[in-house]
C-alpha atoms as a PDB file:
ATOM      1  CA  MET A   1       2.773  21.241 -11.277  1.00  0.00           C
ATOM      2  CA  THR A   2       2.904  17.427 -11.330  1.00  0.00           C
ATOM      3  CA  LEU A   3       0.680  15.811  -8.719  1.00  0.00           C
ATOM      4  CA  ASP A   4       0.010  12.286  -9.971  1.00  0.00           C
ATOM      5  CA  LYS A   5       2.300   9.311 -10.495  1.00  0.00           C
ATOM      6  CA  VAL A   6       1.407   9.070 -14.194  1.00  0.00           C
ATOM      7  CA  ASP A   7       0.300  11.752 -16.624  1.00  0.00           C
ATOM      8  CA  ALA A   8      -3.274  12.042 -17.907  1.00  0.00           C
ATOM      9  CA  GLN A   9      -2.497  10.126 -21.091  1.00  0.00           C
ATOM     10  CA  HIS A  10      -1.528   7.027 -19.117  1.00  0.00           C
ATOM     11  CA  ALA A  11      -4.018   7.351 -16.269  1.00  0.00           C
ATOM     12  CA  PHE A  12      -6.283   4.397 -15.462  1.00  0.00           C
ATOM     13  CA  LEU A  13      -8.989   3.639 -12.929  1.00  0.00           C
ATOM     14  CA  ASP A  14      -7.193   3.024  -9.635  1.00  0.00           C
ATOM     15  CA  LEU A  15      -9.691   1.559  -7.171  1.00  0.00           C
ATOM     16  CA  SER A  16      -7.152   1.927  -4.375  1.00  0.00           C
ATOM     17  CA  ASP A  17      -6.754   5.656  -4.953  1.00  0.00           C
ATOM     18  CA  TYR A  18     -10.386   6.749  -4.567  1.00  0.00           C
ATOM     19  CA  ALA A  19      -9.390   9.838  -2.563  1.00  0.00           C
ATOM     20  CA  ARG A  20      -7.188  11.201  -5.362  1.00  0.00           C
ATOM     21  CA  PRO A  21      -9.498  14.071  -6.492  1.00  0.00           C
ATOM     22  CA  LEU A  22      -9.674  15.517  -2.966  1.00  0.00           C
ATOM     23  CA  ALA A  23      -5.972  14.821  -2.400  1.00  0.00           C
ATOM     24  CA  ARG A  24      -5.118  16.950  -5.446  1.00  0.00           C
ATOM     25  CA  VAL A  25      -7.095  19.884  -4.050  1.00  0.00           C
ATOM     26  CA  VAL A  26      -5.499  19.673  -0.601  1.00  0.00           C
ATOM     27  CA  THR A  27      -2.033  19.211  -2.100  1.00  0.00           C
ATOM     28  CA  ARG A  28      -2.372  22.477  -4.014  1.00  0.00           C
ATOM     29  CA  TRP A  29      -3.311  24.214  -0.767  1.00  0.00           C
ATOM     30  CA  LEU A  30      -0.253  22.777   0.987  1.00  0.00           C
ATOM     31  CA  VAL A  31       2.374  23.563  -1.663  1.00  0.00           C
ATOM     32  CA  PRO A  32       3.107  27.125  -0.395  1.00  0.00           C
ATOM     33  CA  THR A  33       3.119  26.037   3.265  1.00  0.00           C
ATOM     34  CA  ARG A  34       6.049  24.764   5.337  1.00  0.00           C
ATOM     35  CA  LEU A  35       4.361  21.399   5.876  1.00  0.00           C
ATOM     36  CA  SER A  36       6.550  18.638   4.447  1.00  0.00           C
ATOM     37  CA  PRO A  37       5.581  15.238   2.987  1.00  0.00           C
ATOM     38  CA  ILE A  38       7.303  13.609   5.978  1.00  0.00           C
ATOM     39  CA  HIS A  39       4.930  15.488   8.294  1.00  0.00           C
ATOM     40  CA  ILE A  40       1.993  14.011   6.379  1.00  0.00           C
ATOM     41  CA  THR A  41       3.456  10.509   6.588  1.00  0.00           C
ATOM     42  CA  LEU A  42       4.011  10.790  10.337  1.00  0.00           C
ATOM     43  CA  ALA A  43       0.509  12.202  10.836  1.00  0.00           C
ATOM     44  CA  TYR A  44      -1.220   9.291   9.142  1.00  0.00           C
ATOM     45  CA  THR A  45       1.068   6.852  10.929  1.00  0.00           C
ATOM     46  CA  ILE A  46      -0.185   8.195  14.258  1.00  0.00           C
ATOM     47  CA  LEU A  47      -3.770   7.802  13.042  1.00  0.00           C
ATOM     48  CA  GLY A  48      -3.114   4.221  11.942  1.00  0.00           C
ATOM     49  CA  LEU A  49      -1.436   3.231  15.198  1.00  0.00           C
ATOM     50  CA  THR A  50      -4.309   4.830  17.121  1.00  0.00           C
ATOM     51  CA  ALA A  51      -6.716   2.715  15.095  1.00  0.00           C
ATOM     52  CA  GLY A  52      -4.782  -0.381  16.154  1.00  0.00           C
ATOM     53  CA  VAL A  53      -5.139   0.565  19.831  1.00  0.00           C
ATOM     54  CA  LEU A  54      -8.870   1.147  19.384  1.00  0.00           C
ATOM     55  CA  TYR A  55      -9.300  -2.256  17.758  1.00  0.00           C
ATOM     56  CA  SER A  56      -7.517  -3.939  20.662  1.00  0.00           C
ATOM     57  CA  THR A  57     -10.297  -2.827  23.018  1.00  0.00           C
ATOM     58  CA  SER A  58     -12.726  -5.078  21.139  1.00  0.00           C
ATOM     59  CA  ASP A  59     -15.380  -2.382  21.524  1.00  0.00           C
ATOM     60  CA  ARG A  60     -17.793  -1.897  18.630  1.00  0.00           C
ATOM     61  CA  ALA A  61     -17.896   1.897  18.913  1.00  0.00           C
ATOM     62  CA  ASN A  62     -14.105   2.084  19.071  1.00  0.00           C
ATOM     63  CA  ALA A  63     -13.872  -0.161  16.018  1.00  0.00           C
ATOM     64  CA  ALA A  64     -16.149   2.194  14.088  1.00  0.00           C
ATOM     65  CA  VAL A  65     -13.916   5.145  15.013  1.00  0.00           C
ATOM     66  CA  ALA A  66     -10.846   3.099  14.021  1.00  0.00           C
ATOM     67  CA  GLY A  67     -12.401   2.439  10.629  1.00  0.00           C
ATOM     68  CA  ALA A  68     -12.915   6.170  10.108  1.00  0.00           C
ATOM     69  CA  LEU A  69      -9.277   6.835  11.067  1.00  0.00           C
ATOM     70  CA  LEU A  70      -8.139   4.337   8.433  1.00  0.00           C
ATOM     71  CA  ILE A  71     -10.132   6.150   5.754  1.00  0.00           C
ATOM     72  CA  ILE A  72      -8.475   9.420   6.780  1.00  0.00           C
ATOM     73  CA  LYS A  73      -5.121   7.618   6.707  1.00  0.00           C
ATOM     74  CA  GLY A  74      -5.804   6.481   3.144  1.00  0.00           C
ATOM     75  CA  PHE A  75      -6.651  10.047   2.137  1.00  0.00           C
ATOM     76  CA  LEU A  76      -3.465  11.472   3.689  1.00  0.00           C
ATOM     77  CA  ASP A  77      -1.449   8.703   2.061  1.00  0.00           C
ATOM     78  CA  GLY A  78      -2.392  10.214  -1.273  1.00  0.00           C
ATOM     79  CA  ILE A  79      -1.009  13.616  -0.296  1.00  0.00           C
ATOM     80  CA  ASP A  80       2.580  13.066   0.849  1.00  0.00           C
ATOM     81  CA  GLY A  81       3.883  11.820  -2.487  1.00  0.00           C
ATOM     82  CA  SER A  82       1.790  14.336  -4.405  1.00  0.00           C
ATOM     83  CA  LEU A  83       3.231  17.169  -2.327  1.00  0.00           C
ATOM     84  CA  ALA A  84       6.787  16.005  -3.053  1.00  0.00           C
ATOM     85  CA  ARG A  85       6.050  15.822  -6.778  1.00  0.00           C
ATOM     86  CA  ALA A  86       4.316  19.213  -6.794  1.00  0.00           C
ATOM     87  CA  ARG A  87       7.432  20.795  -5.274  1.00  0.00           C
ATOM     88  CA  ASN A  88       9.682  18.784  -7.587  1.00  0.00           C
ATOM     89  CA  ARG A  89      11.400  17.316  -4.520  1.00  0.00           C
ATOM     90  CA  PRO A  90      10.979  13.530  -4.734  1.00  0.00           C
ATOM     91  CA  SER A  91      12.564  11.756  -1.797  1.00  0.00           C
ATOM     92  CA  ARG A  92      13.909   8.267  -1.339  1.00  0.00           C
ATOM     93  CA  VAL A  93      13.675   8.794   2.420  1.00  0.00           C
ATOM     94  CA  GLY A  94       9.986   9.514   1.979  1.00  0.00           C
ATOM     95  CA  ARG A  95       9.564   6.556  -0.356  1.00  0.00           C
ATOM     96  CA  PHE A  96      10.980   4.046   2.149  1.00  0.00           C
ATOM     97  CA  LEU A  97       9.443   5.715   5.196  1.00  0.00           C
ATOM     98  CA  ASP A  98       6.011   5.530   3.571  1.00  0.00           C
ATOM     99  CA  SER A  99       6.291   1.764   3.036  1.00  0.00           C
ATOM    100  CA  VAL A 100       7.731   1.089   6.486  1.00  0.00           C
ATOM    101  CA  CYS A 101       4.953   3.103   8.143  1.00  0.00           C
ATOM    102  CA  ASP A 102       2.317   1.315   6.081  1.00  0.00           C
ATOM    103  CA  TYR A 103       3.608  -2.003   7.386  1.00  0.00           C
ATOM    104  CA  LEU A 104       3.628  -0.761  10.979  1.00  0.00           C
ATOM    105  CA  ILE A 105       0.049   0.453  10.608  1.00  0.00           C
ATOM    106  CA  ASN A 106      -1.108  -2.836   9.089  1.00  0.00           C
ATOM    107  CA  ALA A 107       0.615  -4.736  11.885  1.00  0.00           C
ATOM    108  CA  ALA A 108      -0.940  -2.528  14.565  1.00  0.00           C
ATOM    109  CA  VAL A 109      -4.417  -2.856  13.078  1.00  0.00           C
ATOM    110  CA  LEU A 110      -4.361  -6.611  12.461  1.00  0.00           C
ATOM    111  CA  LEU A 111      -2.693  -7.408  15.781  1.00  0.00           C
ATOM    112  CA  GLY A 112      -5.081  -5.009  17.502  1.00  0.00           C
ATOM    113  CA  ILE A 113      -8.050  -6.879  16.082  1.00  0.00           C
ATOM    114  CA  GLY A 114      -6.403 -10.210  16.871  1.00  0.00           C
ATOM    115  CA  SER A 115      -5.483  -9.308  20.453  1.00  0.00           C
ATOM    116  CA  GLY A 116      -8.958  -7.964  21.146  1.00  0.00           C
ATOM    117  CA  MET A 117     -10.499 -11.158  19.816  1.00  0.00           C
ATOM    118  CA  ALA A 118      -7.989 -13.285  21.766  1.00  0.00           C
ATOM    119  CA  ALA A 119      -8.900 -11.558  25.005  1.00  0.00           C
ATOM    120  CA  ARG A 120     -12.597 -12.013  24.273  1.00  0.00           C
ATOM    121  CA  ILE A 121     -12.430 -15.754  23.568  1.00  0.00           C
ATOM    122  CA  GLY A 122      -9.523 -16.581  25.897  1.00  0.00           C
ATOM    123  CA  SER A 123      -7.261 -18.029  23.203  1.00  0.00           C
ATOM    124  CA  PRO A 124      -4.029 -16.797  21.572  1.00  0.00           C
ATOM    125  CA  TRP A 125      -4.941 -18.222  18.164  1.00  0.00           C
ATOM    126  CA  PRO A 126      -6.368 -14.962  16.742  1.00  0.00           C
ATOM    127  CA  ILE A 127      -2.952 -13.322  17.245  1.00  0.00           C
ATOM    128  CA  LEU A 128      -1.273 -16.051  15.186  1.00  0.00           C
ATOM    129  CA  VAL A 129      -3.936 -15.681  12.492  1.00  0.00           C
ATOM    130  CA  ALA A 130      -3.339 -11.917  12.521  1.00  0.00           C
ATOM    131  CA  MET A 131       0.400 -12.423  11.930  1.00  0.00           C
ATOM    132  CA  ILE A 132      -0.265 -14.733   8.988  1.00  0.00           C
ATOM    133  CA  ALA A 133      -2.829 -12.301   7.587  1.00  0.00           C
ATOM    134  CA  LEU A 134      -0.296  -9.470   7.890  1.00  0.00           C
ATOM    135  CA  GLU A 135       2.180 -11.229   5.614  1.00  0.00           C
ATOM    136  CA  ALA A 136      -0.568 -12.219   3.165  1.00  0.00           C
ATOM    137  CA  MET A 137      -1.832  -8.640   3.069  1.00  0.00           C
ATOM    138  CA  THR A 138       1.716  -7.393   2.506  1.00  0.00           C
ATOM    139  CA  TRP A 139       2.144  -9.862  -0.360  1.00  0.00           C
ATOM    140  CA  HIS A 140      -1.023  -8.596  -2.023  1.00  0.00           C
ATOM    141  CA  GLY A 141       0.250  -5.037  -1.690  1.00  0.00           C
ATOM    142  CA  THR A 142       3.639  -6.073  -3.090  1.00  0.00           C
ATOM    143  CA  THR A 143       1.895  -7.499  -6.159  1.00  0.00           C
ATOM    144  CA  PHE A 144       0.040  -4.234  -6.722  1.00  0.00           C
ATOM    145  CA  ASN A 145       3.190  -2.181  -6.172  1.00  0.00           C
ATOM    146  CA  TYR A 146       5.278  -4.316  -8.525  1.00  0.00           C
ATOM    147  CA  TYR A 147       3.019  -3.949 -11.544  1.00  0.00           C
ATOM    148  CA  TYR A 148       2.251  -0.306 -10.868  1.00  0.00           C
ATOM    149  CA  VAL A 149       5.960   0.550 -10.596  1.00  0.00           C
ATOM    150  CA  VAL A 150       6.685  -1.301 -13.852  1.00  0.00           C
ATOM    151  CA  TYR A 151       3.859   0.614 -15.517  1.00  0.00           C
ATOM    152  CA  ARG A 152       5.120   3.984 -14.243  1.00  0.00           C
ATOM    153  CA  HIS A 153       8.638   3.319 -15.451  1.00  0.00           C
ATOM    154  CA  ARG A 154       7.450   2.220 -18.887  1.00  0.00           C
ATOM    155  CA  THR A 155       5.183   5.227 -19.337  1.00  0.00           C
ATOM    156  CA  GLY A 156       7.585   7.871 -18.030  1.00  0.00           C
ATOM    157  CA  GLY A 157       5.776   8.357 -14.737  1.00  0.00           C
ATOM    158  CA  ASP A 158       7.081   8.815 -11.206  1.00  0.00           C
ATOM    159  CA  ALA A 159      10.379   6.942 -10.790  1.00  0.00           C
ATOM    160  CA  THR A 160      10.960   7.391  -7.059  1.00  0.00           C
ATOM    161  CA  SER A 161      10.090   3.731  -6.477  1.00  0.00           C
ATOM    162  CA  ARG A 162      12.024   0.990  -8.244  1.00  0.00           C
ATOM    163  CA  ILE A 163      11.556  -2.704  -8.851  1.00  0.00           C
ATOM    164  CA  ASP A 164      14.920  -3.539  -7.278  1.00  0.00           C
ATOM    165  CA  GLU A 165      15.314  -1.515  -4.085  1.00  0.00           C
ATOM    166  CA  ARG A 166      18.562  -3.048  -2.875  1.00  0.00           C
ATOM    167  CA  ASN A 167      20.379   0.202  -3.636  1.00  0.00           C
ATOM    168  CA  ALA A 168      19.022   3.254  -1.813  1.00  0.00           C
ATOM    169  CA  GLU A 169      20.531   5.914  -4.121  1.00  0.00           C
ATOM    170  CA  GLY A 170      19.091   9.001  -2.470  1.00  0.00           C
ATOM    171  CA  TYR A 171      18.562  12.458  -3.916  1.00  0.00           C
ATOM    172  CA  PRO A 172      20.977  15.262  -2.960  1.00  0.00           C
ATOM    173  CA  TRP A 173      18.517  16.600  -0.390  1.00  0.00           C
ATOM    174  CA  ASP A 174      17.946  13.204   1.287  1.00  0.00           C
ATOM    175  CA  ASN A 175      19.623  12.873   4.689  1.00  0.00           C
ATOM    176  CA  PRO A 176      22.108   9.962   4.214  1.00  0.00           C
ATOM    177  CA  ALA A 177      21.873   8.723   7.805  1.00  0.00           C
ATOM    178  CA  VAL A 178      18.071   8.685   7.816  1.00  0.00           C
ATOM    179  CA  LEU A 179      18.022   7.145   4.355  1.00  0.00           C
ATOM    180  CA  LYS A 180      20.240   4.308   5.535  1.00  0.00           C
ATOM    181  CA  ILE A 181      17.917   3.563   8.455  1.00  0.00           C
ATOM    182  CA  VAL A 182      14.639   3.574   6.528  1.00  0.00           C
ATOM    183  CA  HIS A 183      16.188   1.686   3.610  1.00  0.00           C
ATOM    184  CA  THR A 184      17.445  -1.031   5.971  1.00  0.00           C
ATOM    185  CA  LEU A 185      14.014  -1.332   7.571  1.00  0.00           C
ATOM    186  CA  TYR A 186      12.411  -1.496   4.148  1.00  0.00           C
ATOM    187  CA  ARG A 187      14.693  -4.325   3.078  1.00  0.00           C
ATOM    188  CA  VAL A 188      14.029  -6.312   6.247  1.00  0.00           C
ATOM    189  CA  ILE A 189      10.266  -6.047   5.734  1.00  0.00           C
ATOM    190  CA  TYR A 190       9.817  -6.143   1.983  1.00  0.00           C
ATOM    191  CA  GLU A 191      12.883  -7.399   0.130  1.00  0.00           C
ATOM    192  CA  TRP A 192      11.977 -11.080   0.164  1.00  0.00           C
ATOM    193  CA  GLN A 193       8.544 -10.231  -1.195  1.00  0.00           C
ATOM    194  CA  ASP A 194       9.894  -7.826  -3.835  1.00  0.00           C
ATOM    195  CA  ARG A 195      12.351 -10.425  -5.108  1.00  0.00           C
ATOM    196  CA  GLY A 196       9.754 -13.170  -4.928  1.00  0.00           C
ATOM    197  CA  MET A 197       7.285 -11.144  -6.970  1.00  0.00           C
ATOM    198  CA  ALA A 198       9.944 -10.305  -9.580  1.00  0.00           C
ATOM    199  CA  ALA A 199      10.853 -14.001  -9.879  1.00  0.00           C
ATOM    200  CA  LEU A 200       7.198 -14.992 -10.188  1.00  0.00           C
ATOM    201  CA  ASP A 201       6.600 -12.377 -12.864  1.00  0.00           C
ATOM    202  CA  ARG A 202       9.472 -13.781 -14.909  1.00  0.00           C
ATOM    203  CA  ARG A 203       7.716 -17.153 -14.793  1.00  0.00           C
ATOM    204  CA  ILE A 204       4.237 -15.975 -15.733  1.00  0.00           C
ATOM    205  CA  THR A 205       5.130 -13.345 -18.348  1.00  0.00           C
ATOM    206  CA  ALA A 206       6.229 -14.945 -21.589  1.00  0.00           C
ATOM    207  CA  ASP A 207       7.953 -11.811 -22.917  1.00  0.00           C
ATOM    208  CA  PRO A 208       9.699  -9.276 -20.625  1.00  0.00           C
ATOM    209  CA  HIS A 209       8.717  -6.563 -23.117  1.00  0.00           C
ATOM    210  CA  SER A 210       5.114  -7.754 -23.344  1.00  0.00           C
ATOM    211  CA  PRO A 211       2.393  -5.104 -23.847  1.00  0.00           C
ATOM    212  CA  VAL A 212       0.503  -6.840 -21.045  1.00  0.00           C
ATOM    213  CA  TYR A 213       2.394  -4.540 -18.660  1.00  0.00           C
ATOM    214  CA  LEU A 214       0.513  -1.615 -20.216  1.00  0.00           C
ATOM    215  CA  ASP A 215      -2.945  -3.192 -20.007  1.00  0.00           C
ATOM    216  CA  LYS A 216      -4.959  -0.562 -18.107  1.00  0.00           C
ATOM    217  CA  ARG A 217      -7.921  -2.842 -17.441  1.00  0.00           C
ATOM    218  CA  LEU A 218      -5.667  -5.461 -15.892  1.00  0.00           C
ATOM    219  CA  LEU A 219      -3.994  -2.760 -13.810  1.00  0.00           C
ATOM    220  CA  THR A 220      -7.393  -1.688 -12.498  1.00  0.00           C
ATOM    221  CA  TRP A 221      -8.087  -5.247 -11.362  1.00  0.00           C
ATOM    222  CA  ILE A 222      -4.699  -5.353  -9.650  1.00  0.00           C
ATOM    223  CA  THR A 223      -5.495  -2.159  -7.710  1.00  0.00           C
ATOM    224  CA  VAL A 224      -8.029  -4.170  -5.684  1.00  0.00           C
ATOM    225  CA  MET A 225      -4.933  -5.430  -3.852  1.00  0.00           C
ATOM    226  CA  GLY A 226      -3.703  -1.908  -3.135  1.00  0.00           C
ATOM    227  CA  LEU A 227      -3.587  -0.696   0.462  1.00  0.00           C
ATOM    228  CA  GLY A 228      -6.191   2.007  -0.062  1.00  0.00           C
ATOM    229  CA  PHE A 229      -8.784  -0.541  -1.185  1.00  0.00           C
ATOM    230  CA  GLN A 230      -7.822  -2.902   1.629  1.00  0.00           C
ATOM    231  CA  LEU A 231      -8.303  -0.148   4.227  1.00  0.00           C
ATOM    232  CA  LEU A 232     -11.700   0.614   2.743  1.00  0.00           C
ATOM    233  CA  LEU A 233     -12.672  -3.002   3.437  1.00  0.00           C
ATOM    234  CA  PHE A 234     -11.313  -2.697   6.995  1.00  0.00           C
ATOM    235  CA  ALA A 235     -13.484   0.373   7.528  1.00  0.00           C
ATOM    236  CA  GLY A 236     -16.604  -1.228   6.077  1.00  0.00           C
ATOM    237  CA  LEU A 237     -16.289  -4.304   8.274  1.00  0.00           C
ATOM    238  CA  SER A 238     -15.613  -2.095  11.292  1.00  0.00           C
ATOM    239  CA  TRP A 239     -18.749  -0.062  10.683  1.00  0.00           C
ATOM    240  CA  ILE A 240     -20.908  -3.173  10.655  1.00  0.00           C
ATOM    241  CA  GLY A 241     -19.250  -4.353  13.866  1.00  0.00           C
ATOM    242  CA  GLN A 242     -17.290  -7.261  12.365  1.00  0.00           C
ATOM    243  CA  PRO A 243     -13.661  -6.149  11.969  1.00  0.00           C
ATOM    244  CA  GLU A 244     -12.376  -9.691  12.615  1.00  0.00           C
ATOM    245  CA  TRP A 245     -13.945 -10.804   9.335  1.00  0.00           C
ATOM    246  CA  ILE A 246     -10.933  -9.193   7.675  1.00  0.00           C
ATOM    247  CA  PHE A 247      -8.896 -12.295   8.571  1.00  0.00           C
ATOM    248  CA  TRP A 248     -11.255 -14.516   6.607  1.00  0.00           C
ATOM    249  CA  LEU A 249     -11.343 -12.036   3.741  1.00  0.00           C
ATOM    250  CA  ILE A 250      -7.529 -11.749   3.436  1.00  0.00           C
ATOM    251  CA  LEU A 251      -6.745 -15.434   3.870  1.00  0.00           C
ATOM    252  CA  GLY A 252      -9.677 -16.687   1.784  1.00  0.00           C
ATOM    253  CA  PRO A 253     -11.203 -14.621  -1.044  1.00  0.00           C
ATOM    254  CA  TYR A 254      -8.217 -12.296  -1.402  1.00  0.00           C
ATOM    255  CA  ASN A 255      -5.774 -15.158  -1.911  1.00  0.00           C
ATOM    256  CA  VAL A 256      -8.142 -16.810  -4.385  1.00  0.00           C
ATOM    257  CA  TYR A 257      -8.471 -13.495  -6.217  1.00  0.00           C
ATOM    258  CA  TRP A 258      -4.679 -13.094  -6.335  1.00  0.00           C
ATOM    259  CA  LEU A 259      -4.222 -16.612  -7.722  1.00  0.00           C
ATOM    260  CA  GLY A 260      -6.947 -16.114 -10.337  1.00  0.00           C
ATOM    261  CA  LEU A 261      -5.455 -12.793 -11.390  1.00  0.00           C
ATOM    262  CA  MET A 262      -1.994 -14.300 -11.812  1.00  0.00           C
ATOM    263  CA  MET A 263      -3.415 -17.180 -13.868  1.00  0.00           C
ATOM    264  CA  TYR A 264      -5.333 -14.740 -16.059  1.00  0.00           C
ATOM    265  CA  ARG A 265      -2.263 -12.572 -16.424  1.00  0.00           C
ATOM    266  CA  ARG A 266      -0.233 -15.573 -17.542  1.00  0.00           C
ATOM    267  CA  ARG A 267      -2.859 -16.442 -20.148  1.00  0.00           C
ATOM    268  CA  LYS A 268      -3.101 -12.828 -21.301  1.00  0.00           C
ATOM    269  CA  SER A 269       0.702 -12.605 -21.583  1.00  0.00           C
ATOM    270  CA  VAL A 270       0.824 -15.659 -23.852  1.00  0.00           C
ATOM    271  CA  LEU A 271      -2.001 -14.369 -26.064  1.00  0.00           C
ATOM    272  CA  VAL A 272      -0.540 -10.898 -26.617  1.00  0.00           C
ATOM    273  CA  GLY A 273       3.025 -12.138 -26.926  1.00  0.00           C
END
């Protein structure tokens, strides 16, 4: 039974996947049930959208509850794909739906925080900041996804996700009509970032076959930009009553971290050939 995206030999410390041990246990429980990965995806989407509504109230207690919902969302996010792999039924519908729902959740949460802050201070500016932060947060996640997908393909791991997603190419059990819808939505949201990241990588990686793609320590650093880690930060700030600090964190330190990581990766690529 395959649960993880890479086998044990190629595993590395993924700071964005901290709920993986518990997710494995729950996945094994769910394998014989009729619950599908899509059900899991829809369940955590409801939790994420609910968190966004709670944030919009600008109430400290509601923000704390929203933070807890995001942690549960992150845990469930580790189950849907694992369940598909355990049943040997990978799904391109599930792959695209997962990413589309993640974006909707991020939008709901950031705009919820922004709208609550806007109502409190009587200015629309926090909503604009939230929209900018949403795209920055998505870019960070795209960076993480790009290098993790490359790593999985080069180590024989899960191949449901691809670097170039312009062609849906579903599995026989994927509903073609649904696949077309979720694939179109995915392309509208992510394609410009996927192609931008691929172009950037060609500029900063001296050799397309460089062993830098297999550097586990570097991959661990990149996982700081994964959605699971980002949601953990959302929750922490919510529990101390300062969810709006996430705007400063995404647009400031996170962007600096991304730039530093890309510069280091360029240097590392040149050194290892």
